[in-house]
Amino acid sequence: MKMLLKIVLAVLLALAAPVANAFEGNALSGPDPFLYTTPGPGFCCGNSVSSKTMTSQIINTGVRNLVIVLAGQSNVCDNHGAAYTPTNASKIDNMYPYGGGIYAASDPILGTSADSAALGPGNFVLRLADNLITAGLFDRVIIFAIGIGGTSIADWDTGVATGRWQPTFNRLKAKGIMPGLANTTIAIIWGQGEQDASLGTSQAAYAAGLNNVINQARAAGFSQSNVPFFVAEETWFGGTTSANVQNAQSAIVNHASNIWAGPNADSLNSSNRQDNTHFNPTGAAAVATLWQAALHAFGAPF
């Protein structure tokens, strides 16, 4: 009997102990409903909160809020050369997926991977947020980034990057951010396809995988009725593009399903790229402008 009690006690203590996520930088009290799947290839940078400043954790529905959920591979990550200093820095925040805190946004963006420190720490999304505020469309933008460099559509469908939508939704919900919240727009920005161009993924395979990815986001709580899903045409890898992947990305657009066209990122040539794949600061500014135009085509509130 005493032995049984010791075993039970040991199990209870183990469950109560902090559960460390190697990609968080801090311990969480378990069991944790927010743990992500293994981040996968390219995960090295952009996830230290030590240099970040915590900002308001409260969502003020008296102002116009935008939450950008940024997903995909390396060209939505911290790979765009020099850091960018936004004009509207006090109005742009960055929620940390692995800890849940909201911090003043600055490059590198929390939550993404980077292929190497040499390519970063810039991320185009900071420019996009700045542009949207300067245009007078929003009063506060919160960036929630979950991109992983080097990932394919199969990785997001069933591989190392699958299962990231639910903890993302859980984190936002824990802060009171829900689809349909007053004065709060949630938009998913999808930028991925370079790896599949390299792999030679067929149009049918990419279309099936992306459809599953979108369905997973919807099932997690990012409802079709309230959360637009924007898909970029993005396949440029080492100076070549994939018509198969481009066709799949454009064909999946369906306004009735709240799936919208993002920009044609492949229109930005090698002069916009630092290694003929990842954007340089000029390319980051250009793709941010293209994303702003794509969002504007959606209509209000963009």
Protein backbone atom coordinates (compact mmCIF):
# COMPACT_ATOMS: atom_id res chain seq x y z
CA MET A 1 0.00 0.00 0.00
CA LYS A 2 2.80 2.41 0.93
CA MET A 3 4.55 1.61 -2.34
CA LEU A 4 1.36 2.37 -4.28
CA LEU A 5 1.00 5.70 -2.49
CA LYS A 6 4.60 6.57 -3.33
CA ILE A 7 3.99 5.80 -7.00
CA VAL A 8 0.81 7.91 -7.07
CA LEU A 9 2.62 10.78 -5.32
CA ALA A 10 5.50 10.60 -7.81
CA VAL A 11 3.07 10.76 -10.72
CA LEU A 12 1.26 13.76 -9.25
CA LEU A 13 4.51 15.60 -8.66
CA ALA A 14 5.60 14.92 -12.21
CA LEU A 15 2.34 16.31 -13.56
CA ALA A 16 2.64 19.40 -11.42
CA ALA A 17 6.22 20.14 -12.45
CA PRO A 18 6.91 22.87 -15.03
CA VAL A 19 6.72 21.55 -18.57
CA ALA A 20 9.61 22.93 -20.60
CA ASN A 21 9.12 23.68 -24.28
CA ALA A 22 12.59 23.90 -25.80
CA PHE A 23 11.36 26.52 -28.22
CA GLU A 24 9.77 28.82 -25.64
CA GLY A 25 12.67 30.04 -23.64
CA ASN A 26 10.63 29.62 -20.47
CA ALA A 27 8.95 26.88 -18.46
CA LEU A 28 5.20 26.49 -18.39
CA SER A 29 3.08 25.01 -15.65
CA GLY A 30 1.75 21.75 -17.05
CA PRO A 31 -0.36 20.42 -18.42
CA ASP A 32 -0.17 23.14 -21.06
CA PRO A 33 -2.94 23.56 -23.68
CA PHE A 34 -0.76 25.84 -25.78
CA LEU A 35 2.18 23.60 -26.68
CA TYR A 36 3.04 23.55 -30.35
CA THR A 37 4.30 20.75 -32.49
CA THR A 38 8.04 20.59 -33.13
CA PRO A 39 8.90 23.74 -35.09
CA GLY A 40 10.93 21.79 -37.66
CA PRO A 41 13.73 22.89 -40.02
CA GLY A 42 15.27 26.33 -39.92
CA PHE A 43 14.16 27.18 -36.40
CA CYS A 44 16.99 29.14 -34.86
CA CYS A 45 16.23 32.75 -34.25
CA GLY A 46 13.69 35.39 -33.29
CA ASN A 47 12.31 33.91 -30.10
CA SER A 48 14.04 35.61 -27.23
CA VAL A 49 11.86 38.02 -25.26
CA SER A 50 14.85 39.34 -23.30
CA SER A 51 15.18 42.39 -25.54
CA LYS A 52 11.43 42.95 -25.90
CA THR A 53 9.18 45.33 -23.97
CA MET A 54 5.86 44.02 -22.71
CA THR A 55 2.93 46.20 -23.69
CA SER A 56 -0.82 46.17 -23.03
CA GLN A 57 -2.24 42.68 -22.62
CA ILE A 58 -5.79 44.00 -22.92
CA ILE A 59 -7.70 44.32 -26.19
CA ASN A 60 -9.45 47.67 -26.28
CA THR A 61 -12.52 47.23 -28.48
CA GLY A 62 -13.00 51.00 -28.42
CA VAL A 63 -10.29 51.26 -31.08
CA ARG A 64 -9.80 49.50 -34.42
CA ASN A 65 -7.69 46.37 -33.93
CA LEU A 66 -6.10 44.10 -36.51
CA VAL A 67 -4.60 40.72 -35.63
CA ILE A 68 -2.36 39.29 -38.35
CA VAL A 69 -1.75 35.55 -38.09
CA LEU A 70 1.35 35.08 -40.22
CA ALA A 71 2.00 31.54 -41.43
CA GLY A 72 4.08 29.78 -44.06
CA GLN A 73 7.79 29.40 -44.68
CA SER A 74 10.95 31.48 -44.76
CA ASN A 75 9.71 34.53 -46.66
CA VAL A 76 7.21 35.26 -43.90
CA CYS A 77 9.99 34.80 -41.35
CA ASP A 78 12.86 36.92 -40.07
CA ASN A 79 14.96 36.68 -43.22
CA HIS A 80 14.71 40.12 -44.82
CA GLY A 81 18.02 41.72 -43.98
CA ALA A 82 18.27 44.76 -41.73
CA ALA A 83 15.76 45.50 -39.01
CA TYR A 84 13.03 48.01 -39.81
CA THR A 85 11.99 50.78 -37.43
CA PRO A 86 8.26 51.51 -37.83
CA THR A 87 6.88 55.03 -37.81
CA ASN A 88 3.94 53.85 -35.69
CA ALA A 89 5.97 51.75 -33.28
CA SER A 90 3.71 52.44 -30.28
CA LYS A 91 0.72 50.97 -32.15
CA ILE A 92 2.26 47.70 -33.35
CA ASP A 93 2.54 44.70 -31.05
CA ASN A 94 3.74 41.12 -31.34
CA MET A 95 2.17 38.23 -29.44
CA TYR A 96 4.61 35.51 -28.40
CA PRO A 97 3.22 32.08 -29.39
CA TYR A 98 5.35 30.13 -26.93
CA GLY A 99 4.66 32.26 -23.88
CA GLY A 100 1.48 34.16 -24.66
CA GLY A 101 2.68 37.65 -23.76
CA ILE A 102 2.14 40.69 -25.97
CA TYR A 103 5.23 42.80 -26.63
CA ALA A 104 6.01 45.95 -28.55
CA ALA A 105 6.80 44.69 -32.05
CA SER A 106 10.36 44.94 -33.29
CA ASP A 107 12.56 42.90 -35.59
CA PRO A 108 13.16 40.02 -35.22
CA ILE A 109 9.48 39.13 -34.94
CA LEU A 110 8.69 36.69 -32.15
CA GLY A 111 7.29 33.34 -33.21
CA THR A 112 8.96 32.77 -36.57
CA SER A 113 12.06 30.88 -37.53
CA ALA A 114 14.96 32.25 -39.52
CA ASP A 115 17.15 30.29 -41.90
CA SER A 116 20.27 31.93 -40.52
CA ALA A 117 21.16 34.97 -38.47
CA ALA A 118 22.97 36.34 -41.52
CA LEU A 119 19.69 36.67 -43.44
CA GLY A 120 17.85 38.61 -40.73
CA PRO A 121 16.54 40.04 -38.55
CA GLY A 122 14.08 41.94 -40.76
CA ASN A 123 10.52 40.79 -41.45
CA PHE A 124 8.21 42.44 -44.00
CA VAL A 125 5.19 42.16 -41.70
CA LEU A 126 6.42 45.03 -39.55
CA ARG A 127 6.37 47.28 -42.62
CA LEU A 128 2.91 46.02 -43.56
CA ALA A 129 1.53 46.81 -40.10
CA ASP A 130 3.14 50.26 -40.24
CA ASN A 131 1.62 50.93 -43.67
CA LEU A 132 -1.88 49.96 -42.54
CA ILE A 133 -1.74 52.26 -39.54
CA THR A 134 -0.27 55.14 -41.56
CA ALA A 135 -3.15 54.70 -44.03
CA GLY A 136 -5.54 55.34 -41.15
CA LEU A 137 -7.16 51.89 -41.31
CA PHE A 138 -6.30 50.56 -37.84
CA ASP A 139 -5.31 51.94 -34.45
CA ARG A 140 -3.48 48.85 -33.26
CA VAL A 141 -1.96 45.88 -35.08
CA ILE A 142 -0.99 42.69 -33.27
CA ILE A 143 1.30 40.30 -35.15
CA PHE A 144 1.06 36.60 -34.33
CA ALA A 145 3.73 34.79 -36.35
CA ILE A 146 4.02 31.01 -36.67
CA GLY A 147 6.03 30.64 -39.89
CA ILE A 148 8.74 27.98 -40.17
CA GLY A 149 11.52 28.23 -42.73
CA GLY A 150 12.07 25.38 -45.15
CA THR A 151 8.63 23.84 -44.71
CA SER A 152 6.60 22.33 -47.54
CA ILE A 153 2.84 22.15 -47.87
CA ALA A 154 3.05 18.51 -46.78
CA ASP A 155 4.83 19.63 -43.59
CA TRP A 156 1.89 21.92 -42.77
CA ASP A 157 -0.66 19.32 -43.78
CA THR A 158 0.58 16.22 -41.97
CA GLY A 159 4.26 16.81 -41.11
CA VAL A 160 6.37 18.79 -38.64
CA ALA A 161 4.34 21.99 -38.95
CA THR A 162 0.90 20.48 -38.58
CA GLY A 163 -1.15 21.15 -35.46
CA ARG A 164 -0.06 24.78 -35.06
CA TRP A 165 -3.47 26.35 -35.62
CA GLN A 166 -5.14 25.14 -32.44
CA PRO A 167 -2.56 26.48 -29.97
CA THR A 168 -2.51 29.74 -31.95
CA PHE A 169 -6.27 30.04 -31.53
CA ASN A 170 -5.97 29.08 -27.86
CA ARG A 171 -3.40 31.81 -27.23
CA LEU A 172 -5.57 34.47 -28.84
CA LYS A 173 -8.69 33.25 -27.05
CA ALA A 174 -6.84 33.43 -23.72
CA LYS A 175 -6.39 37.16 -24.37
CA GLY A 176 -10.05 37.58 -25.28
CA ILE A 177 -9.35 37.78 -29.00
CA MET A 178 -12.06 35.84 -30.80
CA PRO A 179 -13.52 35.92 -34.31
CA GLY A 180 -16.39 38.38 -34.31
CA LEU A 181 -15.02 40.49 -31.44
CA ALA A 182 -16.12 44.11 -31.81
CA ASN A 183 -13.72 46.38 -33.67
CA THR A 184 -11.28 43.51 -34.08
CA THR A 185 -10.29 41.96 -37.40
CA ILE A 186 -8.38 38.68 -37.55
CA ALA A 187 -6.72 37.87 -40.86
CA ILE A 188 -4.54 34.91 -41.79
CA ILE A 189 -1.68 35.67 -44.17
CA TRP A 190 -0.23 32.61 -45.91
CA GLY A 191 3.14 32.87 -47.66
CA GLN A 192 4.56 29.48 -48.63
CA GLY A 193 5.54 27.62 -51.78
CA GLU A 194 9.25 28.03 -52.34
CA GLN A 195 10.05 24.61 -50.89
CA ASP A 196 7.41 22.98 -53.06
CA ALA A 197 8.84 24.69 -56.13
CA SER A 198 12.18 23.14 -55.21
CA LEU A 199 10.58 19.74 -54.62
CA GLY A 200 8.58 19.78 -57.85
CA THR A 201 5.24 19.39 -56.09
CA SER A 202 2.36 18.89 -58.50
CA GLN A 203 -0.57 21.28 -58.74
CA ALA A 204 -2.97 18.62 -57.47
CA ALA A 205 -0.79 17.71 -54.49
CA TYR A 206 -0.25 21.32 -53.48
CA ALA A 207 -3.95 22.16 -53.87
CA ALA A 208 -4.98 19.19 -51.74
CA GLY A 209 -2.44 20.05 -49.05
CA LEU A 210 -3.35 23.73 -48.89
CA ASN A 211 -7.05 22.91 -48.77
CA ASN A 212 -6.36 20.66 -45.77
CA VAL A 213 -4.29 23.37 -44.10
CA ILE A 214 -7.12 25.89 -44.46
CA ASN A 215 -9.61 23.35 -43.14
CA GLN A 216 -7.38 22.76 -40.12
CA ALA A 217 -7.31 26.50 -39.40
CA ARG A 218 -11.10 26.63 -39.65
CA ALA A 219 -11.52 23.60 -37.40
CA ALA A 220 -9.26 25.24 -34.80
CA GLY A 221 -11.69 28.16 -34.52
CA PHE A 222 -10.64 30.61 -37.23
CA SER A 223 -14.14 30.59 -38.65
CA GLN A 224 -14.91 30.95 -42.33
CA SER A 225 -17.50 33.63 -41.59
CA ASN A 226 -15.18 35.95 -39.67
CA VAL A 227 -11.56 35.23 -40.61
CA PRO A 228 -10.33 35.82 -44.18
CA PHE A 229 -7.51 33.56 -45.32
CA PHE A 230 -5.15 35.28 -47.79
CA VAL A 231 -2.92 33.15 -50.05
CA ALA A 232 0.09 34.67 -51.76
CA GLU A 233 1.38 33.51 -55.12
CA GLU A 234 4.80 32.64 -53.81
CA THR A 235 7.22 30.09 -55.29
CA TRP A 236 10.45 31.94 -56.18
CA PHE A 237 13.36 29.71 -55.22
CA GLY A 238 16.90 30.40 -56.43
CA GLY A 239 15.64 32.39 -59.39
CA THR A 240 13.06 29.88 -60.62
CA THR A 241 9.31 29.60 -60.02
CA SER A 242 6.74 26.81 -60.21
CA ALA A 243 3.70 27.19 -62.44
CA ASN A 244 2.15 24.14 -60.78
CA VAL A 245 2.28 25.67 -57.31
CA GLN A 246 1.29 29.12 -58.57
CA ASN A 247 -1.77 27.64 -60.29
CA ALA A 248 -2.77 25.82 -57.11
CA GLN A 249 -2.39 28.98 -55.05
CA SER A 250 -4.49 31.08 -57.41
CA ALA A 251 -7.12 28.39 -57.97
CA ILE A 252 -7.86 27.94 -54.28
CA VAL A 253 -9.15 31.51 -53.99
CA ASN A 254 -12.87 31.32 -53.24
CA HIS A 255 -14.58 34.39 -51.81
CA ALA A 256 -17.61 32.37 -50.76
CA SER A 257 -15.26 30.39 -48.51
CA ASN A 258 -13.52 33.61 -47.39
CA ILE A 259 -10.29 32.64 -49.16
CA TRP A 260 -8.66 35.60 -50.89
CA ALA A 261 -5.74 36.26 -53.18
CA GLY A 262 -2.64 37.62 -51.56
CA PRO A 263 0.01 39.35 -53.67
CA ASN A 264 2.05 37.91 -56.50
CA ALA A 265 5.30 37.76 -54.55
CA ASP A 266 6.93 36.04 -57.53
CA SER A 267 6.71 39.34 -59.40
CA LEU A 268 9.63 40.58 -57.29
CA ASN A 269 12.83 39.64 -59.09
CA SER A 270 16.37 39.00 -57.90
CA SER A 271 17.05 42.70 -57.30
CA ASN A 272 14.61 42.40 -54.40
CA ARG A 273 16.33 39.37 -52.91
CA GLN A 274 19.54 38.97 -50.96
CA ASP A 275 20.29 35.39 -51.99
CA ASN A 276 17.97 35.11 -55.00
CA THR A 277 15.32 33.64 -52.69
CA HIS A 278 14.80 35.68 -49.51
CA PHE A 279 13.83 39.32 -49.69
CA ASN A 280 16.31 42.08 -48.98
CA PRO A 281 15.07 45.31 -47.34
CA THR A 282 13.99 46.66 -50.75
CA GLY A 283 12.05 43.47 -51.39
CA ALA A 284 10.55 43.53 -47.89
CA ALA A 285 9.22 47.04 -48.54
CA ALA A 286 7.91 45.98 -51.94
CA VAL A 287 6.14 42.83 -50.72
CA ALA A 288 4.62 44.79 -47.82
CA THR A 289 3.15 47.21 -50.36
CA LEU A 290 1.85 44.30 -52.43
CA TRP A 291 0.26 42.75 -49.35
CA GLN A 292 -1.37 46.06 -48.46
CA ALA A 293 -2.91 46.22 -51.95
CA ALA A 294 -4.13 42.62 -51.68
CA LEU A 295 -5.79 43.31 -48.34
CA HIS A 296 -7.33 46.49 -49.73
CA ALA A 297 -8.93 44.44 -52.52
CA PHE A 298 -10.83 42.54 -49.81
CA GLY A 299 -12.66 45.75 -48.91
CA ALA A 300 -13.53 47.14 -45.49
CA PRO A 301 -11.88 47.34 -43.01
CA PHE A 302 -8.81 47.24 -45.26
